[in-house]
Protein backbone atom coordinates (compact mmCIF):
# COMPACT_ATOMS: atom_id res chain seq x y z
CA UNK A 1 108.19 112.79 75.88
CA UNK A 2 105.66 112.02 78.78
CA UNK A 3 103.48 115.09 80.12
CA UNK A 4 104.76 114.32 83.11
CA UNK A 5 108.05 114.77 82.40
CA UNK A 6 108.36 118.30 84.00
CA UNK A 7 106.89 117.61 86.88
CA UNK A 8 107.70 115.04 90.13
CA UNK A 9 104.14 115.16 91.56
CA UNK A 10 101.12 115.67 89.55
CA UNK A 11 97.63 115.90 91.04
CA UNK A 12 94.59 115.95 88.79
CA UNK A 13 90.78 116.18 89.70
CA UNK A 14 91.14 114.90 92.93
CA UNK A 15 87.59 114.63 94.85
CA UNK A 16 87.30 112.77 98.09
CA UNK A 17 83.57 112.45 99.84
CA UNK A 18 82.91 111.46 103.65
CA UNK A 19 79.23 109.93 103.74
CA UNK A 20 78.47 111.93 100.99
CA UNK A 21 79.90 115.51 101.71
CA UNK A 22 82.80 116.52 99.72
CA UNK A 23 85.61 117.15 101.12
CA UNK A 24 88.11 117.73 98.28
CA UNK A 25 86.69 118.87 94.83
CA UNK A 26 88.86 119.08 91.95
CA UNK A 27 92.33 119.46 93.11
CA UNK A 28 94.97 120.11 90.85
CA UNK A 29 98.17 121.46 91.15
CA UNK A 30 102.23 120.24 89.83
CA UNK A 31 105.26 120.17 91.94
CA UNK A 32 108.91 120.33 90.60
CA UNK A 33 111.88 118.37 92.03
CA UNK A 34 112.95 119.98 95.32
CA UNK A 35 110.28 122.52 95.57
CA UNK A 36 108.55 123.20 99.06
CA UNK A 37 104.72 123.28 98.78
CA UNK A 38 102.09 124.65 101.77
CA UNK A 39 98.76 123.68 102.18
CA UNK A 40 97.19 126.79 103.68
CA UNK A 41 94.02 127.42 105.10
CA UNK A 42 91.69 127.50 107.85
CA UNK A 43 90.51 124.38 109.68
CA UNK A 44 88.28 121.95 107.97
CA UNK A 45 89.56 123.57 104.40
CA UNK A 46 91.08 120.05 103.29
CA UNK A 47 94.83 120.65 103.86
CA UNK A 48 95.16 117.30 106.28
CA UNK A 49 92.85 114.99 103.87
CA UNK A 50 94.78 116.04 100.82
CA UNK A 51 98.24 115.64 102.73
CA UNK A 52 96.80 111.75 103.35
CA UNK A 53 95.64 111.32 100.03
CA UNK A 54 98.87 111.80 98.79
CA UNK A 55 100.47 109.74 101.30
CA UNK A 56 97.82 106.80 100.57
CA UNK A 57 96.63 106.71 103.90
CA UNK A 58 93.31 107.46 102.55
CA UNK A 59 91.68 106.83 99.09
CA UNK A 60 90.69 109.31 96.52
CA UNK A 61 87.35 109.20 94.96
CA UNK A 62 87.86 110.47 91.53
CA UNK A 63 90.99 112.07 90.00
CA UNK A 64 94.79 111.03 89.79
CA UNK A 65 98.12 111.41 91.70
CA UNK A 66 101.29 110.59 89.65
CA UNK A 67 104.78 110.35 91.09
CA UNK A 68 107.40 110.53 89.05
CA UNK A 69 105.49 109.70 85.90
CA UNK A 70 103.58 106.63 87.53
CA UNK A 71 99.95 106.68 89.23
CA UNK A 72 100.69 105.64 92.66
CA UNK A 73 96.58 105.45 93.87
CA UNK A 74 97.37 101.30 94.11
CA UNK A 75 100.68 101.41 95.68
CA UNK A 76 100.24 101.09 99.30
CA UNK A 77 101.69 103.73 101.92
CA UNK A 78 104.99 101.66 103.36
CA UNK A 79 106.03 101.27 99.46
CA UNK A 80 105.80 105.05 98.49
CA UNK A 81 108.84 105.78 100.49
CA UNK A 82 107.62 109.09 101.40
CA UNK A 83 108.28 110.76 105.05
CA UNK A 84 105.69 111.65 107.54
CA UNK A 85 105.93 114.44 110.54
CA UNK A 86 103.24 115.43 112.65
CA UNK A 87 102.56 117.96 115.12
CA UNK A 88 103.08 115.45 117.70
CA UNK A 89 106.51 113.91 116.54
CA UNK A 90 105.43 110.49 117.89
CA UNK A 91 108.99 109.92 119.17
CA UNK A 92 109.83 106.92 120.85
CA UNK A 93 110.23 108.04 124.46
CA UNK A 94 111.87 105.03 125.46
CA UNK A 95 114.60 105.50 122.85
CA UNK A 96 117.00 108.13 122.76
CA UNK A 97 117.99 110.66 120.20
CA UNK A 98 119.96 108.70 118.37
CA UNK A 99 117.88 105.44 118.44
CA UNK A 100 115.06 107.73 116.96
CA UNK A 101 116.62 108.99 114.39
CA UNK A 102 118.09 105.19 113.26
CA UNK A 103 114.45 103.63 113.63
CA UNK A 104 113.11 104.22 109.45
CA UNK A 105 116.98 103.40 108.73
CA UNK A 106 116.64 99.98 110.84
CA UNK A 107 113.37 99.30 108.65
CA UNK A 108 115.13 99.86 105.52
CA UNK A 109 117.80 96.83 106.85
CA UNK A 110 120.16 99.63 106.48
CA UNK A 111 124.17 98.18 107.08
CA UNK A 112 125.30 99.06 110.45
CA UNK A 113 127.84 101.45 109.41
CA UNK A 114 126.13 103.41 106.65
CA UNK A 115 123.55 103.62 109.99
CA UNK A 116 125.63 105.31 112.10
CA UNK A 117 127.07 107.85 109.10
CA UNK A 118 123.69 108.67 108.41
CA UNK A 119 122.89 109.50 111.90
CA UNK A 120 125.69 111.73 112.39
CA UNK A 121 124.71 113.39 109.33
CA UNK A 122 121.23 114.03 110.71
CA UNK A 123 122.64 115.28 113.88
CA UNK A 124 124.91 117.43 111.99
CA UNK A 125 122.30 118.91 109.68
CA UNK A 126 119.43 119.35 112.50
CA UNK A 127 121.97 121.40 114.55
CA UNK A 128 121.86 118.34 117.66
CA UNK A 129 125.34 117.28 117.26
CA UNK A 130 126.51 116.02 120.92
CA UNK A 131 122.72 115.47 121.68
CA UNK A 132 122.61 111.83 120.57
CA UNK A 133 122.41 110.03 123.86
CA UNK A 134 119.81 111.81 125.33
CA UNK A 135 116.67 111.16 126.48
CA UNK A 136 113.44 112.61 124.40
CA UNK A 137 112.33 113.68 127.97
CA UNK A 138 115.34 115.64 128.56
CA UNK A 139 114.98 117.74 125.16
CA UNK A 140 112.83 121.17 124.41
CA UNK A 141 110.18 121.47 122.41
CA UNK A 142 112.29 123.08 119.45
CA UNK A 143 115.12 119.87 119.54
CA UNK A 144 112.17 117.09 119.65
CA UNK A 145 110.91 118.91 116.25
CA UNK A 146 114.88 118.78 115.25
CA UNK A 147 114.56 115.16 116.04
CA UNK A 148 111.39 114.29 114.55
CA UNK A 149 112.29 116.22 111.45
CA UNK A 150 116.03 114.44 111.55
CA UNK A 151 114.03 110.92 111.77
CA UNK A 152 111.89 112.30 108.71
CA UNK A 153 114.63 112.62 106.62
CA UNK A 154 117.07 109.81 107.47
CA UNK A 155 115.96 107.46 105.12
CA UNK A 156 115.67 109.46 102.40
CA UNK A 157 112.53 110.14 101.17
CA UNK A 158 110.90 111.02 97.55
CA UNK A 159 108.93 113.21 98.79
CA UNK A 160 108.60 114.87 102.95
CA UNK A 161 104.98 115.56 104.35
CA UNK A 162 104.58 117.77 107.23
CA UNK A 163 101.33 118.13 108.83
CA UNK A 164 101.33 121.36 111.05
CA UNK A 165 104.73 120.37 112.29
CA UNK A 166 104.97 123.41 114.50
CA UNK A 167 101.83 123.53 115.47
CA UNK A 168 102.47 122.97 119.55
CA UNK A 169 105.60 125.64 119.58
CA UNK A 170 105.15 129.25 120.66
CA UNK A 171 105.52 132.20 117.73
CA UNK A 172 108.96 133.17 118.65
CA UNK A 173 110.43 129.21 118.33
CA UNK A 174 108.19 128.68 115.09
CA UNK A 175 109.45 131.68 113.07
CA UNK A 176 113.15 130.62 113.50
CA UNK A 177 112.29 127.07 113.14
CA UNK A 178 110.55 127.93 109.67
CA UNK A 179 113.68 128.97 108.30
CA UNK A 180 115.71 126.43 109.52
CA UNK A 181 113.62 123.74 108.21
CA UNK A 182 113.50 125.78 104.77
CA UNK A 183 117.68 125.91 104.40
CA UNK A 184 117.86 122.30 105.41
CA UNK A 185 115.13 121.22 102.58
CA UNK A 186 116.90 123.08 100.16
CA UNK A 187 120.14 121.77 100.78
CA UNK A 188 118.68 118.37 100.69
CA UNK A 189 116.51 119.22 97.34
CA UNK A 190 113.78 117.56 99.30
CA UNK A 191 110.68 117.88 97.44
CA UNK A 192 108.25 118.69 100.61
CA UNK A 193 104.69 119.53 101.32
CA UNK A 194 103.74 121.52 104.32
CA UNK A 195 100.77 121.97 105.79
CA UNK A 196 99.50 125.17 108.04
CA UNK A 197 97.00 126.74 109.07
CA UNK A 198 99.20 130.17 109.19
CA UNK A 199 99.97 132.28 106.45
CA UNK A 200 103.22 134.07 107.70
CA UNK A 201 105.15 130.83 108.30
CA UNK A 202 103.45 129.28 104.82
CA UNK A 203 105.39 132.43 103.22
CA UNK A 204 108.23 131.94 104.88
CA UNK A 205 108.99 128.56 104.29
CA UNK A 206 107.39 127.55 100.79
CA UNK A 207 108.26 127.72 97.11
CA UNK A 208 104.86 127.67 96.51
CA UNK A 209 101.38 128.10 98.39
CA UNK A 210 97.89 126.15 98.05
CA UNK A 211 94.99 128.18 99.45
CA UNK A 212 92.70 126.08 100.36
CA UNK A 213 88.60 126.50 101.45
CA UNK A 214 85.70 124.39 101.88
CA UNK A 215 87.35 121.95 99.75
CA UNK A 216 88.00 123.72 96.95
CA UNK A 217 91.54 125.06 95.77
CA UNK A 218 91.20 128.99 95.41
CA UNK A 219 94.60 130.15 94.32
CA UNK A 220 98.02 128.12 93.62
CA UNK A 221 101.51 130.16 93.25
CA UNK A 222 104.23 131.32 94.92
CA UNK A 223 104.01 133.58 98.02
CA UNK A 224 104.69 136.74 96.48
CA UNK A 225 101.99 136.60 93.69
CA UNK A 226 99.76 135.58 95.73
CA UNK A 227 100.51 138.51 98.13
CA UNK A 228 100.38 140.55 95.03
CA UNK A 229 97.30 139.63 93.37
CA UNK A 230 95.09 137.68 95.84
CA UNK A 231 92.50 135.79 93.01
CA UNK A 232 89.36 136.10 94.83
CA UNK A 233 88.36 138.07 98.26
CA UNK A 234 88.44 134.61 100.08
CA UNK A 235 92.07 134.31 99.44
CA UNK A 236 92.77 138.11 100.47
CA UNK A 237 90.80 137.94 103.87
CA UNK A 238 93.00 134.53 104.90
CA UNK A 239 96.36 135.81 104.15
CA UNK A 240 95.23 138.66 106.41
CA UNK A 241 94.32 141.49 104.46
CA UNK A 242 91.41 143.68 106.14
CA UNK A 243 91.23 146.77 103.54
CA UNK A 244 88.10 145.51 101.34
CA UNK A 245 85.90 147.77 100.07
CA UNK A 246 83.05 147.30 97.21
CA UNK A 247 82.42 149.09 94.65
CA UNK A 248 81.67 148.68 90.41
CA UNK A 249 83.85 149.38 87.38
CA UNK A 250 82.48 151.48 84.66
CA UNK A 251 83.10 151.69 81.02
CA UNK A 252 85.95 154.08 81.35
CA UNK A 253 87.86 152.00 83.84
CA UNK A 254 86.86 153.84 86.47
CA UNK A 255 86.19 152.20 89.86
CA UNK A 256 83.16 153.70 92.03
CA UNK A 257 83.52 152.49 95.62
CA UNK A 258 82.34 154.78 99.28
CA UNK A 259 86.39 156.12 98.95
CA UNK A 260 85.43 157.84 95.99
CA UNK A 261 85.91 157.52 91.53
CA UNK A 262 89.49 155.81 91.41
CA UNK A 263 91.17 155.35 87.69
CA UNK A 264 92.30 151.72 87.57
CA UNK A 265 93.33 151.48 83.80
CA UNK A 266 95.79 148.71 84.16
CA UNK A 267 93.13 146.18 85.53
CA UNK A 268 90.54 144.51 83.73
CA UNK A 269 87.16 143.45 84.59
CA UNK A 270 83.56 143.57 83.27
CA UNK A 271 82.15 146.63 83.20
CA UNK A 272 79.17 147.27 85.44
CA UNK A 273 80.26 144.33 87.46
CA UNK A 274 80.66 144.25 91.34
CA UNK A 275 84.02 143.81 92.41
CA UNK A 276 86.38 144.15 95.37
CA UNK A 277 89.11 146.69 96.06
CA UNK A 278 92.04 145.40 98.02
CA UNK A 279 94.40 148.18 99.63
CA UNK A 280 97.43 146.63 100.71
CA UNK A 281 98.68 147.82 104.18
CA UNK A 282 102.11 148.68 103.21
CA UNK A 283 101.30 150.72 99.98
CA UNK A 284 101.15 153.95 101.56
CA UNK A 285 102.93 156.95 102.93
CA UNK A 286 101.61 160.04 105.41
CA UNK A 287 101.43 163.72 103.51
CA UNK A 288 100.20 167.07 104.10
CA UNK A 289 96.40 167.81 103.65
CA UNK A 290 96.15 167.29 99.88
CA UNK A 291 96.20 170.20 97.43
CA UNK A 292 93.57 170.31 94.40
CA UNK A 293 96.15 168.69 92.41
CA UNK A 294 96.40 165.21 94.25
CA UNK A 295 99.33 162.89 93.63
CA UNK A 296 98.50 159.71 91.71
CA UNK A 297 96.50 156.73 92.77
CA UNK A 298 94.07 157.51 95.79
CA UNK A 299 94.38 160.28 98.53
CA UNK A 300 92.63 158.87 101.63
CA UNK A 301 91.71 161.71 104.82
CA UNK A 302 90.67 160.43 107.84
CA UNK A 303 90.34 160.08 111.87
CA UNK A 304 93.21 157.87 113.40
CA UNK A 305 91.60 155.08 115.24
CA UNK A 306 94.01 152.92 116.56
CA UNK A 307 97.95 153.41 116.43
CA UNK A 308 100.35 150.46 117.38
CA UNK A 309 104.05 150.67 117.36
CA UNK A 310 105.50 147.38 115.87
CA UNK A 311 109.21 147.85 116.32
CA UNK A 312 110.29 149.07 112.76
CA UNK A 313 106.59 150.49 112.05
CA UNK A 314 103.37 151.51 113.24
CA UNK A 315 100.03 149.88 112.18
CA UNK A 316 97.49 152.29 112.39
CA UNK A 317 94.05 152.56 111.35
CA UNK A 318 92.00 154.98 110.32
CA UNK A 319 88.31 155.88 109.62
CA UNK A 320 87.54 157.31 106.19
CA UNK A 321 83.77 157.99 105.99
CA UNK A 322 82.04 154.58 106.99
CA UNK A 323 85.40 152.47 106.58
CA UNK A 324 87.65 151.15 108.70
CA UNK A 325 91.18 150.75 106.99
CA UNK A 326 95.02 149.86 108.63
CA UNK A 327 97.97 150.33 107.19
CA UNK A 328 101.54 149.98 108.09
CA UNK A 329 103.58 153.14 108.27
CA UNK A 330 107.55 154.09 108.86
CA UNK A 331 108.31 155.10 111.89
CA UNK A 332 109.56 158.48 110.44
CA UNK A 333 107.91 160.71 111.09
CA UNK A 334 105.66 159.31 113.68
CA UNK A 335 102.30 159.01 112.50
CA UNK A 336 99.59 161.48 114.88
CA UNK A 337 97.88 159.86 117.86
CA UNK A 338 95.06 158.36 118.18
CA UNK A 339 92.00 160.77 117.20
CA UNK A 340 93.77 163.55 114.99
CA UNK A 341 93.17 163.46 111.42
CA UNK A 342 95.67 162.05 108.90
CA UNK A 343 96.17 161.87 105.37
CA UNK A 344 97.46 159.01 103.37
CA UNK A 345 98.50 159.10 99.51
CA UNK A 346 98.56 155.39 98.28
CA UNK A 347 100.64 153.94 95.89
CA UNK A 348 98.58 152.77 92.67
CA UNK A 349 100.22 149.29 92.56
CA UNK A 350 98.78 148.61 96.43
CA UNK A 351 95.04 149.22 94.99
CA UNK A 352 93.90 145.74 93.33
CA UNK A 353 90.62 144.84 91.91
CA UNK A 354 89.42 141.08 93.03
CA UNK A 355 86.61 138.79 92.45
């Protein structure tokens, strides 16, 4: 059996440079049939370059891209049967909705009856029934996004590549459409790679996430695994974690940091090494002033410096010694007002040591 048999896409040791500057360094990951991968990272991290290499729009300097067990480096883009969808949508303004969706099918010389059936199916799939004869300039931003998705999916691509497809939409619409895109792709069983710089968007749509920074793949895994255990401080910061405390671990597995001494027996690293403690924001609860016997984990005492009501929770920042730490707390009981003292017990599972 081939080493690639279990994967629809296998990227190995992929490198790419521009005028001597590395854009991607030793990228490697694998995707199963029907999985949705999000390439997540800040601007300039290499996300779009990686997507273009997979599409065949740019050429790798070394490494390989294997699709269905075949190295596709010599296959031109138009013969890979990959669909692409961009932030700008690139819809044809002189064509109506049906004509836009039909474009890829016409390029495939699809029979007229099959073309009609496929376009109708796509309109139904993306929730645009009855809008087939609308002009593109008569549609809202969300409707245009659905047309672009339908046009990309109509030719039944082997792999769908989406480059910041929701980047031009407002937050409320983006939040709704990420869920809709995931449902549509899962219904069709389409394997997809979705580029975004928004971690909330990535968590909403992805089965797997690849975090890129400065052309290096920092971490690859499920959204839950990344959230629960970021590999390093770069990943943690990009995922929005701000409670990062520098300290060291001694030979007895006791962590020494400005917050005090913490027993973290379940976590392994080299004694004496300088490591970072991540305190996840959801893992704490208010308590009365701590007694002599403290609950397991960490007890923090400080002053509330910011208090933001978020509907289902409060986001509270407290100053503890010289550290400012932010937590998401339940709305009942309400946390103290700004300037007042607060005591928090942190669940041991919310304390993570990272490199």
